[in-house]
Amino acid sequence: EVIMKVPANNQYVLFGGSFVLTNKMQWVADRMVEGLTTKQWFLLRSLFDLPQEPMPTITSLAKETDTSRQNVTKMLEVLQRQGYVILGDNPTDHRSRTVEMTENGLKILSTMAAQSQGFFESLFAGISDEESAIAAQVAVKMITNLSKMQEEIQ
């Protein structure tokens, strides 16, 4: 069993632990679930969740995932080569490109949902529904606070 040195200050745990949690979660998930990397899955899942009218664009997907347009474009180009999305010209704005999920994209999302069940069960083992609810509330509040800070900086 790995023992993590936990700082006495809970805010330090939440701040530093967020980095450790993200890195470990990505590393484990990338090895436990085959098909897409965690980041590719998150991007495809976000595309799936976006309204399809008007057709999503690279810019709207970047905004939805809080990722730079450049990073989203690179990931989408890989996903397009794999046959999971189609990048097209936007008929209403020639400066942007549309993103459409293919049947193969829908299939890989479905496959990964089934495969990831064991990952999620292991990830949340020993964590009660009440603890999950509180952690989710804290995460949402931190994201909201960071969004406000982001707006003030820009």
C-alpha atoms as a PDB file:
ATOM      1  CA  GLU A   1       0.000   0.000   0.000  1.00  0.00           C
ATOM      2  CA  VAL A   2       1.306   3.438  -0.963  1.00  0.00           C
ATOM      3  CA  ILE A   3       1.307   5.913   1.886  1.00  0.00           C
ATOM      4  CA  MET A   4       1.125   9.542   0.816  1.00  0.00           C
ATOM      5  CA  LYS A   5       2.483  12.201   3.144  1.00  0.00           C
ATOM      6  CA  VAL A   6      -0.602  14.344   3.700  1.00  0.00           C
ATOM      7  CA  PRO A   7      -0.083  17.987   4.683  1.00  0.00           C
ATOM      8  CA  ALA A   8      -2.035  19.156   7.735  1.00  0.00           C
ATOM      9  CA  ASN A   9      -3.585  22.019   5.755  1.00  0.00           C
ATOM     10  CA  ASN A  10      -6.582  20.696   3.766  1.00  0.00           C
ATOM     11  CA  GLN A  11      -6.245  23.489   1.198  1.00  0.00           C
ATOM     12  CA  TYR A  12      -2.700  22.318   0.423  1.00  0.00           C
ATOM     13  CA  VAL A  13      -4.038  18.782   0.051  1.00  0.00           C
ATOM     14  CA  LEU A  14      -6.705  19.972  -2.395  1.00  0.00           C
ATOM     15  CA  PHE A  15      -4.275  22.149  -4.368  1.00  0.00           C
ATOM     16  CA  GLY A  16      -1.324  19.775  -4.613  1.00  0.00           C
ATOM     17  CA  GLY A  17      -3.490  16.680  -4.549  1.00  0.00           C
ATOM     18  CA  SER A  18      -5.281  17.893  -7.687  1.00  0.00           C
ATOM     19  CA  PHE A  19      -2.037  17.595  -9.660  1.00  0.00           C
ATOM     20  CA  VAL A  20      -1.183  14.187  -8.203  1.00  0.00           C
ATOM     21  CA  LEU A  21      -4.753  12.966  -8.732  1.00  0.00           C
ATOM     22  CA  THR A  22      -4.845  14.114 -12.367  1.00  0.00           C
ATOM     23  CA  ASN A  23      -1.489  12.553 -13.222  1.00  0.00           C
ATOM     24  CA  LYS A  24      -2.233   9.225 -11.519  1.00  0.00           C
ATOM     25  CA  MET A  25      -5.767   9.037 -12.897  1.00  0.00           C
ATOM     26  CA  GLN A  26      -4.555   9.646 -16.445  1.00  0.00           C
ATOM     27  CA  TRP A  27      -1.665   7.152 -16.116  1.00  0.00           C
ATOM     28  CA  VAL A  28      -3.848   4.353 -14.703  1.00  0.00           C
ATOM     29  CA  ALA A  29      -6.821   4.969 -17.016  1.00  0.00           C
ATOM     30  CA  ASP A  30      -4.591   5.056 -20.098  1.00  0.00           C
ATOM     31  CA  ARG A  31      -3.345   1.566 -19.163  1.00  0.00           C
ATOM     32  CA  MET A  32      -6.598   0.003 -17.902  1.00  0.00           C
ATOM     33  CA  VAL A  33      -8.925   1.085 -20.693  1.00  0.00           C
ATOM     34  CA  GLU A  34      -7.915   0.466 -24.302  1.00  0.00           C
ATOM     35  CA  GLY A  35      -9.010   2.406 -27.350  1.00  0.00           C
ATOM     36  CA  LEU A  36      -8.372   6.066 -26.621  1.00  0.00           C
ATOM     37  CA  THR A  37      -6.182   8.018 -24.251  1.00  0.00           C
ATOM     38  CA  THR A  38      -8.000   9.662 -21.357  1.00  0.00           C
ATOM     39  CA  LYS A  39      -7.685  13.070 -23.027  1.00  0.00           C
ATOM     40  CA  GLN A  40      -8.989  11.751 -26.355  1.00  0.00           C
ATOM     41  CA  TRP A  41     -11.916  10.113 -24.564  1.00  0.00           C
ATOM     42  CA  PHE A  42     -12.717  13.365 -22.711  1.00  0.00           C
ATOM     43  CA  LEU A  43     -12.634  15.315 -25.980  1.00  0.00           C
ATOM     44  CA  LEU A  44     -14.902  12.815 -27.802  1.00  0.00           C
ATOM     45  CA  ARG A  45     -17.258  12.600 -24.826  1.00  0.00           C
ATOM     46  CA  SER A  46     -17.484  16.409 -24.718  1.00  0.00           C
ATOM     47  CA  LEU A  47     -18.201  16.485 -28.469  1.00  0.00           C
ATOM     48  CA  PHE A  48     -20.946  13.894 -27.936  1.00  0.00           C
ATOM     49  CA  ASP A  49     -22.517  16.067 -25.200  1.00  0.00           C
ATOM     50  CA  LEU A  50     -22.537  19.293 -27.257  1.00  0.00           C
ATOM     51  CA  PRO A  51     -25.700  20.309 -29.134  1.00  0.00           C
ATOM     52  CA  GLN A  52     -25.409  19.254 -32.784  1.00  0.00           C
ATOM     53  CA  GLU A  53     -27.317  22.280 -34.097  1.00  0.00           C
ATOM     54  CA  PRO A  54     -25.461  24.312 -35.090  1.00  0.00           C
ATOM     55  CA  MET A  55     -22.702  21.809 -35.763  1.00  0.00           C
ATOM     56  CA  PRO A  56     -19.932  22.059 -33.128  1.00  0.00           C
ATOM     57  CA  THR A  57     -16.715  23.816 -34.105  1.00  0.00           C
ATOM     58  CA  ILE A  58     -13.152  23.375 -32.930  1.00  0.00           C
ATOM     59  CA  THR A  59     -13.547  26.656 -31.038  1.00  0.00           C
ATOM     60  CA  SER A  60     -16.742  25.574 -29.257  1.00  0.00           C
ATOM     61  CA  LEU A  61     -15.150  22.246 -28.320  1.00  0.00           C
ATOM     62  CA  ALA A  62     -12.042  24.021 -27.000  1.00  0.00           C
ATOM     63  CA  LYS A  63     -14.242  26.286 -24.891  1.00  0.00           C
ATOM     64  CA  GLU A  64     -16.314  23.327 -23.623  1.00  0.00           C
ATOM     65  CA  THR A  65     -13.187  21.422 -22.524  1.00  0.00           C
ATOM     66  CA  ASP A  66     -11.282  24.529 -21.340  1.00  0.00           C
ATOM     67  CA  THR A  67      -8.397  23.551 -23.626  1.00  0.00           C
ATOM     68  CA  SER A  68      -6.511  25.689 -26.132  1.00  0.00           C
ATOM     69  CA  ARG A  69      -7.708  25.636 -29.740  1.00  0.00           C
ATOM     70  CA  GLN A  70      -4.237  24.460 -30.785  1.00  0.00           C
ATOM     71  CA  ASN A  71      -4.330  21.407 -28.485  1.00  0.00           C
ATOM     72  CA  VAL A  72      -7.888  20.536 -29.496  1.00  0.00           C
ATOM     73  CA  THR A  73      -6.955  20.847 -33.176  1.00  0.00           C
ATOM     74  CA  LYS A  74      -3.971  18.500 -32.755  1.00  0.00           C
ATOM     75  CA  MET A  75      -6.056  15.908 -30.898  1.00  0.00           C
ATOM     76  CA  LEU A  76      -8.889  16.146 -33.442  1.00  0.00           C
ATOM     77  CA  GLU A  77      -6.482  15.636 -36.327  1.00  0.00           C
ATOM     78  CA  VAL A  78      -5.324  12.381 -34.694  1.00  0.00           C
ATOM     79  CA  LEU A  79      -8.941  11.332 -34.041  1.00  0.00           C
ATOM     80  CA  GLN A  80      -9.782  12.117 -37.672  1.00  0.00           C
ATOM     81  CA  ARG A  81      -6.921   9.893 -38.905  1.00  0.00           C
ATOM     82  CA  GLN A  82      -8.313   7.141 -36.645  1.00  0.00           C
ATOM     83  CA  GLY A  83     -11.756   7.579 -38.237  1.00  0.00           C
ATOM     84  CA  TYR A  84     -13.564   8.868 -35.136  1.00  0.00           C
ATOM     85  CA  VAL A  85     -14.348  12.433 -36.287  1.00  0.00           C
ATOM     86  CA  ILE A  86     -14.648  14.431 -39.494  1.00  0.00           C
ATOM     87  CA  LEU A  87     -13.316  17.980 -39.627  1.00  0.00           C
ATOM     88  CA  GLY A  88     -15.124  20.157 -42.162  1.00  0.00           C
ATOM     89  CA  ASP A  89     -15.394  23.681 -43.421  1.00  0.00           C
ATOM     90  CA  ASN A  90     -17.912  25.812 -41.554  1.00  0.00           C
ATOM     91  CA  PRO A  91     -20.450  27.079 -44.108  1.00  0.00           C
ATOM     92  CA  THR A  92     -21.359  30.118 -41.963  1.00  0.00           C
ATOM     93  CA  ASP A  93     -17.826  31.143 -40.897  1.00  0.00           C
ATOM     94  CA  HIS A  94     -14.887  30.336 -43.151  1.00  0.00           C
ATOM     95  CA  ARG A  95     -12.410  31.024 -40.314  1.00  0.00           C
ATOM     96  CA  SER A  96     -13.621  28.032 -38.277  1.00  0.00           C
ATOM     97  CA  ARG A  97     -13.945  24.309 -38.828  1.00  0.00           C
ATOM     98  CA  THR A  98     -16.783  22.015 -37.820  1.00  0.00           C
ATOM     99  CA  VAL A  99     -16.374  18.737 -35.943  1.00  0.00           C
ATOM    100  CA  GLU A 100     -18.623  15.752 -36.556  1.00  0.00           C
ATOM    101  CA  MET A 101     -18.447  12.396 -34.795  1.00  0.00           C
ATOM    102  CA  THR A 102     -18.492   9.334 -37.035  1.00  0.00           C
ATOM    103  CA  GLU A 103     -20.223   6.001 -36.398  1.00  0.00           C
ATOM    104  CA  ASN A 104     -16.793   4.631 -35.408  1.00  0.00           C
ATOM    105  CA  GLY A 105     -16.472   7.495 -32.908  1.00  0.00           C
ATOM    106  CA  LEU A 106     -19.803   6.557 -31.346  1.00  0.00           C
ATOM    107  CA  LYS A 107     -18.755   2.884 -31.249  1.00  0.00           C
ATOM    108  CA  ILE A 108     -15.426   3.586 -29.496  1.00  0.00           C
ATOM    109  CA  LEU A 109     -17.215   5.748 -26.894  1.00  0.00           C
ATOM    110  CA  SER A 110     -19.652   2.915 -26.214  1.00  0.00           C
ATOM    111  CA  THR A 111     -16.845   0.346 -26.018  1.00  0.00           C
ATOM    112  CA  MET A 112     -14.843   2.504 -23.628  1.00  0.00           C
ATOM    113  CA  ALA A 113     -17.892   3.109 -21.408  1.00  0.00           C
ATOM    114  CA  ALA A 114     -18.227  -0.649 -20.946  1.00  0.00           C
ATOM    115  CA  GLN A 115     -14.475  -1.162 -20.416  1.00  0.00           C
ATOM    116  CA  SER A 116     -14.152   1.689 -17.927  1.00  0.00           C
ATOM    117  CA  GLN A 117     -16.685   0.258 -15.473  1.00  0.00           C
ATOM    118  CA  GLY A 118     -13.980  -1.622 -13.554  1.00  0.00           C
ATOM    119  CA  PHE A 119     -11.736   1.442 -13.522  1.00  0.00           C
ATOM    120  CA  PHE A 120     -14.488   3.572 -11.950  1.00  0.00           C
ATOM    121  CA  GLU A 121     -15.365   0.885  -9.397  1.00  0.00           C
ATOM    122  CA  SER A 122     -11.709   0.689  -8.307  1.00  0.00           C
ATOM    123  CA  LEU A 123     -11.247   4.475  -8.370  1.00  0.00           C
ATOM    124  CA  PHE A 124     -14.216   5.103  -6.074  1.00  0.00           C
ATOM    125  CA  ALA A 125     -13.772   2.037  -3.832  1.00  0.00           C
ATOM    126  CA  GLY A 126     -14.299   2.931  -0.180  1.00  0.00           C
ATOM    127  CA  ILE A 127     -15.723   6.365  -1.004  1.00  0.00           C
ATOM    128  CA  SER A 128     -19.315   6.834   0.170  1.00  0.00           C
ATOM    129  CA  ASP A 129     -22.016   8.594  -1.851  1.00  0.00           C
ATOM    130  CA  GLU A 130     -21.938  11.379   0.738  1.00  0.00           C
ATOM    131  CA  GLU A 131     -18.158  11.825   0.366  1.00  0.00           C
ATOM    132  CA  SER A 132     -18.502  11.845  -3.435  1.00  0.00           C
ATOM    133  CA  ALA A 133     -21.230  14.503  -3.220  1.00  0.00           C
ATOM    134  CA  ILE A 134     -19.123  16.752  -0.969  1.00  0.00           C
ATOM    135  CA  ALA A 135     -16.012  16.299  -3.122  1.00  0.00           C
ATOM    136  CA  ALA A 136     -18.033  17.116  -6.247  1.00  0.00           C
ATOM    137  CA  GLN A 137     -19.393  20.285  -4.618  1.00  0.00           C
ATOM    138  CA  VAL A 138     -15.878  21.375  -3.638  1.00  0.00           C
ATOM    139  CA  ALA A 139     -14.559  20.683  -7.153  1.00  0.00           C
ATOM    140  CA  VAL A 140     -17.369  22.714  -8.744  1.00  0.00           C
ATOM    141  CA  LYS A 141     -16.743  25.624  -6.358  1.00  0.00           C
ATOM    142  CA  MET A 142     -12.998  25.565  -7.082  1.00  0.00           C
ATOM    143  CA  ILE A 143     -13.629  25.504 -10.847  1.00  0.00           C
ATOM    144  CA  THR A 144     -16.081  28.403 -10.479  1.00  0.00           C
ATOM    145  CA  ASN A 145     -13.543  30.394  -8.441  1.00  0.00           C
ATOM    146  CA  LEU A 146     -10.812  29.693 -10.989  1.00  0.00           C
ATOM    147  CA  SER A 147     -13.113  30.767 -13.836  1.00  0.00           C
ATOM    148  CA  LYS A 148     -13.736  34.089 -12.059  1.00  0.00           C
ATOM    149  CA  MET A 149      -9.974  34.511 -11.532  1.00  0.00           C
ATOM    150  CA  GLN A 150      -9.394  33.706 -15.214  1.00  0.00           C
ATOM    151  CA  GLU A 151     -11.869  36.393 -16.305  1.00  0.00           C
ATOM    152  CA  GLU A 152     -10.206  38.975 -14.043  1.00  0.00           C
ATOM    153  CA  ILE A 153      -6.771  38.191 -15.494  1.00  0.00           C
ATOM    154  CA  GLN A 154      -7.868  38.345 -19.153  1.00  0.00           C
END
